[in-house]
Amino acid sequence: MKRRRVPSWLVQLTWFIAGVFGTGAFWYYLSQKNDLLIYVSAAGALAFVFIAITLHVLGESNGGHRISARAVPVETSTGKYSLHVTVSNSGDQPISITHVLLRPPGSPGVWVNFAPSGQVRLDVGERKSANIDAVSVPINWQSVDELRSFDVFVQDALGKNHKAVWEGGK
């Protein structure tokens, strides 16, 4: 079941109400020395802060960035294989893809820039690709099977790694 997206105006309204309880009402009743309403306004502020945080988290978890990545080994004219990595953004917000991680079995791996600086933004519905040669990275692969044994991840600007799915090349 797909959750409905939390509208940003609702999150903002909840923060506003929390502010009214936490500042205006609290300080007014404090100056009037009305103990009961001081506690009610403090409790109201805390309740609306909790609601606002919950709505904010729900709003981020059911929308935002949906990145899919695929890795395809491509045979070059010399008989060697390069790696073609394609990233698609099917979310509802643009994102930047900064790096590709190539991780051979039993190795921490190596980070490679996805694209030149200034060309890493991926708009909604957009797809970008990077081609990685064995010559351009400090790890080597001799065959398509060896290359396909690597784990390949793309990293977005938020630091989250997205695992690429292997396609083609057999």
Foldseek 3Di string as FASTA:
>chain_A
DADDAQDPVVLVVLLVQLCCLVPVQLVVCVVVVPVVSNVVSPVSSVVSVVVSVVNVVRNVVRFDWDKAKAWEWDQDPVRATKIKMKMATQTQAKWFWFWKFKAFPPGPTDIDGFDPPPPGIHGHGGMDMGIGDLVVDPDHDGAPVRSVNIWMWIAIPVGDTDTHHYDDDD
